[in-house]
Protein backbone atom coordinates (compact mmCIF):
# COMPACT_ATOMS: atom_id res chain seq x y z
CA UNK A 1 171.83 133.51 60.87
CA UNK A 2 168.72 135.62 61.56
CA UNK A 3 165.49 134.30 63.07
CA UNK A 4 163.63 134.33 59.73
CA UNK A 5 166.17 132.01 58.11
CA UNK A 6 166.11 129.70 61.14
CA UNK A 7 162.29 129.60 60.95
CA UNK A 8 162.43 128.68 57.23
CA UNK A 9 164.96 125.90 57.88
CA UNK A 10 162.80 124.43 60.66
CA UNK A 11 159.67 124.64 58.47
CA UNK A 12 161.44 122.93 55.55
CA UNK A 13 162.65 120.15 57.87
CA UNK A 14 159.11 119.58 59.15
CA UNK A 15 157.61 119.52 55.64
CA UNK A 16 160.16 116.94 54.45
CA UNK A 17 159.31 114.60 57.34
CA UNK A 18 156.02 112.76 56.66
CA UNK A 19 155.01 112.32 60.33
CA UNK A 20 155.77 115.89 61.45
CA UNK A 21 154.36 117.28 58.19
CA UNK A 22 150.93 115.78 58.79
CA UNK A 23 150.76 117.11 62.37
CA UNK A 24 151.98 120.54 61.20
CA UNK A 25 149.32 120.69 58.46
CA UNK A 26 146.53 119.63 60.84
CA UNK A 27 147.56 122.41 63.22
CA UNK A 28 147.59 124.97 60.37
CA UNK A 29 144.05 123.97 59.37
CA UNK A 30 142.74 124.09 62.96
CA UNK A 31 144.39 127.49 63.53
CA UNK A 32 142.68 129.05 60.49
CA UNK A 33 139.26 127.40 60.96
CA UNK A 34 137.97 129.94 63.50
CA UNK A 35 134.54 131.15 62.37
CA UNK A 36 134.71 134.49 60.57
CA UNK A 37 132.43 136.65 58.46
CA UNK A 38 134.87 136.38 55.55
CA UNK A 39 138.03 134.39 54.76
CA UNK A 40 139.27 135.91 51.50
CA UNK A 41 141.89 138.64 51.79
CA UNK A 42 139.64 141.42 50.51
CA UNK A 43 136.32 139.81 51.56
CA UNK A 44 135.62 138.64 47.99
CA UNK A 45 133.83 135.59 49.39
CA UNK A 46 131.08 137.86 50.80
CA UNK A 47 130.02 138.71 47.22
CA UNK A 48 130.47 135.10 46.09
CA UNK A 49 128.26 133.76 48.89
CA UNK A 50 125.61 136.44 48.36
CA UNK A 51 125.25 135.37 44.72
CA UNK A 52 125.13 131.67 45.56
CA UNK A 53 123.09 131.93 48.75
CA UNK A 54 120.19 129.87 47.34
CA UNK A 55 122.36 127.19 45.72
CA UNK A 56 123.03 124.68 48.49
CA UNK A 57 125.04 122.20 46.44
CA UNK A 58 127.19 123.40 43.58
CA UNK A 59 130.54 122.78 41.92
CA UNK A 60 133.59 125.04 42.07
CA UNK A 61 136.92 125.04 40.27
CA UNK A 62 139.55 126.93 42.26
CA UNK A 63 142.79 127.57 40.34
CA UNK A 64 145.59 128.86 42.52
CA UNK A 65 143.71 127.61 45.57
CA UNK A 66 146.67 128.20 47.99
CA UNK A 67 144.98 127.26 51.29
CA UNK A 68 141.67 125.49 52.11
CA UNK A 69 140.67 128.21 54.62
CA UNK A 70 143.00 131.20 54.74
CA UNK A 71 142.36 133.54 51.82
CA UNK A 72 139.87 131.07 50.32
CA UNK A 73 136.94 132.20 48.16
CA UNK A 74 135.43 128.69 48.23
CA UNK A 75 135.67 127.74 51.93
CA UNK A 76 132.16 128.86 52.87
CA UNK A 77 130.72 127.13 49.80
CA UNK A 78 132.54 123.95 50.82
CA UNK A 79 131.17 124.25 54.37
CA UNK A 80 127.57 124.39 53.16
CA UNK A 81 127.89 121.32 50.92
CA UNK A 82 129.55 122.32 47.67
CA UNK A 83 132.27 120.17 46.09
CA UNK A 84 134.87 120.82 43.47
CA UNK A 85 138.38 120.80 42.11
CA UNK A 86 141.25 122.66 43.75
CA UNK A 87 144.44 123.22 41.75
CA UNK A 88 147.76 124.65 42.90
CA UNK A 89 151.41 124.72 41.86
CA UNK A 90 152.50 123.80 45.38
CA UNK A 91 152.51 120.15 46.43
CA UNK A 92 152.23 121.28 50.05
CA UNK A 93 149.14 123.39 49.37
CA UNK A 94 147.46 120.36 47.82
CA UNK A 95 148.48 118.26 50.84
CA UNK A 96 146.54 120.75 52.98
CA UNK A 97 143.48 120.33 50.74
CA UNK A 98 143.77 116.53 50.86
CA UNK A 99 143.51 116.75 54.66
CA UNK A 100 140.86 119.49 54.86
CA UNK A 101 138.75 118.60 51.80
CA UNK A 102 139.29 114.88 51.11
CA UNK A 103 136.10 114.56 49.02
CA UNK A 104 137.25 117.27 46.60
CA UNK A 105 139.59 116.54 43.70
CA UNK A 106 142.86 118.22 44.65
CA UNK A 107 145.46 118.56 41.90
CA UNK A 108 149.11 119.54 42.03
CA UNK A 109 149.56 120.91 38.53
CA UNK A 110 149.63 124.12 36.53
CA UNK A 111 146.75 125.48 34.48
CA UNK A 112 147.61 127.62 31.46
CA UNK A 113 146.59 128.07 27.82
CA UNK A 114 148.66 125.06 26.64
CA UNK A 115 149.19 121.39 27.48
CA UNK A 116 152.92 121.24 28.21
CA UNK A 117 155.55 120.41 30.80
CA UNK A 118 156.86 123.68 32.19
CA UNK A 119 158.47 125.22 35.28
CA UNK A 120 157.03 127.41 37.97
CA UNK A 121 158.79 129.82 40.32
CA UNK A 122 158.46 128.87 43.98
CA UNK A 123 158.75 131.62 46.59
CA UNK A 124 157.74 129.28 49.42
CA UNK A 125 156.24 125.82 49.99
CA UNK A 126 152.80 127.31 50.72
CA UNK A 127 152.83 130.79 49.25
CA UNK A 128 150.37 132.92 47.27
CA UNK A 129 153.22 134.43 45.25
CA UNK A 130 154.23 131.13 43.58
CA UNK A 131 153.76 131.67 39.85
CA UNK A 132 154.33 130.53 36.29
CA UNK A 133 155.59 134.05 35.66
CA UNK A 134 159.30 134.65 36.23
CA UNK A 135 160.32 135.68 39.76
CA UNK A 136 163.96 136.63 40.27
CA UNK A 137 165.65 134.54 42.95
CA UNK A 138 162.80 132.02 43.19
CA UNK A 139 163.34 128.27 42.95
CA UNK A 140 162.35 126.69 39.61
CA UNK A 141 160.26 123.52 39.83
CA UNK A 142 159.11 121.36 36.91
CA UNK A 143 155.37 120.79 36.63
CA UNK A 144 152.78 119.53 34.15
CA UNK A 145 150.42 122.15 32.73
CA UNK A 146 147.06 121.76 30.96
CA UNK A 147 144.34 124.16 29.87
CA UNK A 148 140.86 124.25 31.39
CA UNK A 149 139.19 122.57 28.41
CA UNK A 150 141.59 119.62 28.76
CA UNK A 151 140.93 119.44 32.51
CA UNK A 152 137.17 119.34 31.87
CA UNK A 153 137.57 116.52 29.37
CA UNK A 154 140.11 114.56 31.44
CA UNK A 155 137.94 114.50 34.57
CA UNK A 156 134.60 114.38 32.72
CA UNK A 157 133.20 117.50 34.36
CA UNK A 158 129.52 118.07 33.68
CA UNK A 159 129.30 121.58 35.13
CA UNK A 160 131.17 124.32 36.95
CA UNK A 161 128.99 126.79 38.82
CA UNK A 162 131.85 128.92 40.08
CA UNK A 163 135.37 129.39 38.70
CA UNK A 164 138.04 131.23 40.65
CA UNK A 165 141.43 132.06 39.10
CA UNK A 166 144.24 133.52 41.19
CA UNK A 167 147.52 132.79 39.42
CA UNK A 168 149.83 135.73 40.08
CA UNK A 169 150.07 137.21 36.60
CA UNK A 170 149.26 134.07 34.58
CA UNK A 171 145.50 134.66 34.85
CA UNK A 172 144.95 135.89 31.29
CA UNK A 173 146.76 132.85 29.85
CA UNK A 174 144.56 130.59 31.93
CA UNK A 175 141.23 132.13 30.95
CA UNK A 176 142.11 132.18 27.24
CA UNK A 177 142.64 128.41 27.50
CA UNK A 178 138.93 128.03 28.32
CA UNK A 179 136.50 128.01 25.38
CA UNK A 180 133.43 128.65 27.61
CA UNK A 181 131.25 126.69 25.20
CA UNK A 182 130.28 123.31 26.67
CA UNK A 183 130.57 124.50 30.26
CA UNK A 184 129.83 128.07 31.34
CA UNK A 185 130.25 128.96 35.03
CA UNK A 186 127.59 131.27 36.46
CA UNK A 187 130.34 133.32 38.12
CA UNK A 188 134.05 133.72 37.33
CA UNK A 189 136.31 135.62 39.70
CA UNK A 190 139.74 136.46 38.38
CA UNK A 191 142.70 138.41 39.67
CA UNK A 192 143.45 141.14 37.14
CA UNK A 193 146.89 142.50 38.03
CA UNK A 194 146.96 144.50 34.78
CA UNK A 195 144.59 146.95 36.43
CA UNK A 196 146.20 147.33 39.82
CA UNK A 197 145.76 151.10 39.85
CA UNK A 198 142.05 150.60 40.71
CA UNK A 199 140.92 152.67 37.72
CA UNK A 200 137.58 151.20 36.65
CA UNK A 201 137.57 153.16 33.39
CA UNK A 202 140.81 151.52 32.25
CA UNK A 203 139.55 148.16 33.50
CA UNK A 204 136.61 148.28 31.09
CA UNK A 205 139.03 148.81 28.19
CA UNK A 206 141.68 146.20 29.04
CA UNK A 207 142.17 142.83 27.34
CA UNK A 208 140.75 140.81 30.23
CA UNK A 209 137.43 142.64 30.19
CA UNK A 210 137.32 142.52 26.38
CA UNK A 211 137.78 138.74 26.48
CA UNK A 212 134.82 138.30 28.82
CA UNK A 213 132.67 140.74 26.85
CA UNK A 214 133.22 138.67 23.70
CA UNK A 215 132.29 135.51 25.62
CA UNK A 216 129.01 137.10 26.82
CA UNK A 217 130.02 137.72 30.42
CA UNK A 218 129.54 141.08 32.12
CA UNK A 219 131.55 142.76 34.88
CA UNK A 220 129.36 142.43 37.97
CA UNK A 221 131.68 143.74 40.65
CA UNK A 222 135.26 144.53 41.61
CA UNK A 223 137.20 144.32 44.91
CA UNK A 224 140.87 145.33 45.08
CA UNK A 225 142.47 143.36 42.22
CA UNK A 226 139.66 140.80 41.75
CA UNK A 227 137.02 141.14 39.03
CA UNK A 228 133.67 139.34 39.16
CA UNK A 229 132.17 138.24 35.83
CA UNK A 230 128.68 136.75 35.51
CA UNK A 231 127.20 134.93 32.51
CA UNK A 232 125.00 137.50 30.77
CA UNK A 233 121.99 135.16 30.72
CA UNK A 234 121.69 135.67 34.51
CA UNK A 235 121.83 139.47 34.33
CA UNK A 236 118.08 140.06 34.55
CA UNK A 237 117.48 137.64 37.44
CA UNK A 238 120.36 138.51 39.77
CA UNK A 239 118.04 140.57 41.98
CA UNK A 240 115.95 137.42 42.55
CA UNK A 241 118.85 135.29 43.83
CA UNK A 242 121.09 137.88 45.46
CA UNK A 243 121.11 137.79 49.25
CA UNK A 244 121.66 141.33 50.50
CA UNK A 245 120.55 140.57 54.06
CA UNK A 246 123.49 138.44 55.25
CA UNK A 247 123.78 138.65 59.03
CA UNK A 248 127.13 140.12 60.11
CA UNK A 249 126.88 138.48 63.55
CA UNK A 250 127.52 134.89 64.58
CA UNK A 251 125.32 133.04 67.04
């Protein structure tokens, strides 16, 4: 048995034991909490925080939240006083959020375009690759799925300032389950794996961009595979709220 398999077996044993699991999760949170300029994989949170620099208390909905610090687009918003809802397929990811962000609403469920009971494909207990889309060799786990409109109604949400969707290929299904009528986030960031060749011309013609265009959102920015869409009513005032003087140093 190689070292990787031994490591996985030890990790699975720890996660199944309530006492060791809690200690393990606390250590994971402490390890990742070191102050950094950005926490998202491709520094997407730099753009997010520049747009929301003057909003000290807002509401986020993070779908496919994965980890409360590592790779998080909402961690800095949380640190300055924002609250929100974090949703992930992994029970263990939500356990991390329950420890790190106990005042948030942390939900172990799937978000899609339909309200059904379905299965997701688990690559690992806490893994960004877990998905509703088929993954060969992955473990199938049953889970309840609802659309965003149902989630808003169920938890009586009054507003969402920022929506992040990172669902490993299921992103288009998720966004089409959101009417964007009663509640319209200022900013929506969404992973668009259908344009992973980084061709902006093809991005502007694809179905994801067309959906947002019809809903009166415009493409504000793009980093790696993440697109940033802003409600068109804010287009003329972005220069008034955008912070382009963020200090790169820490004191």
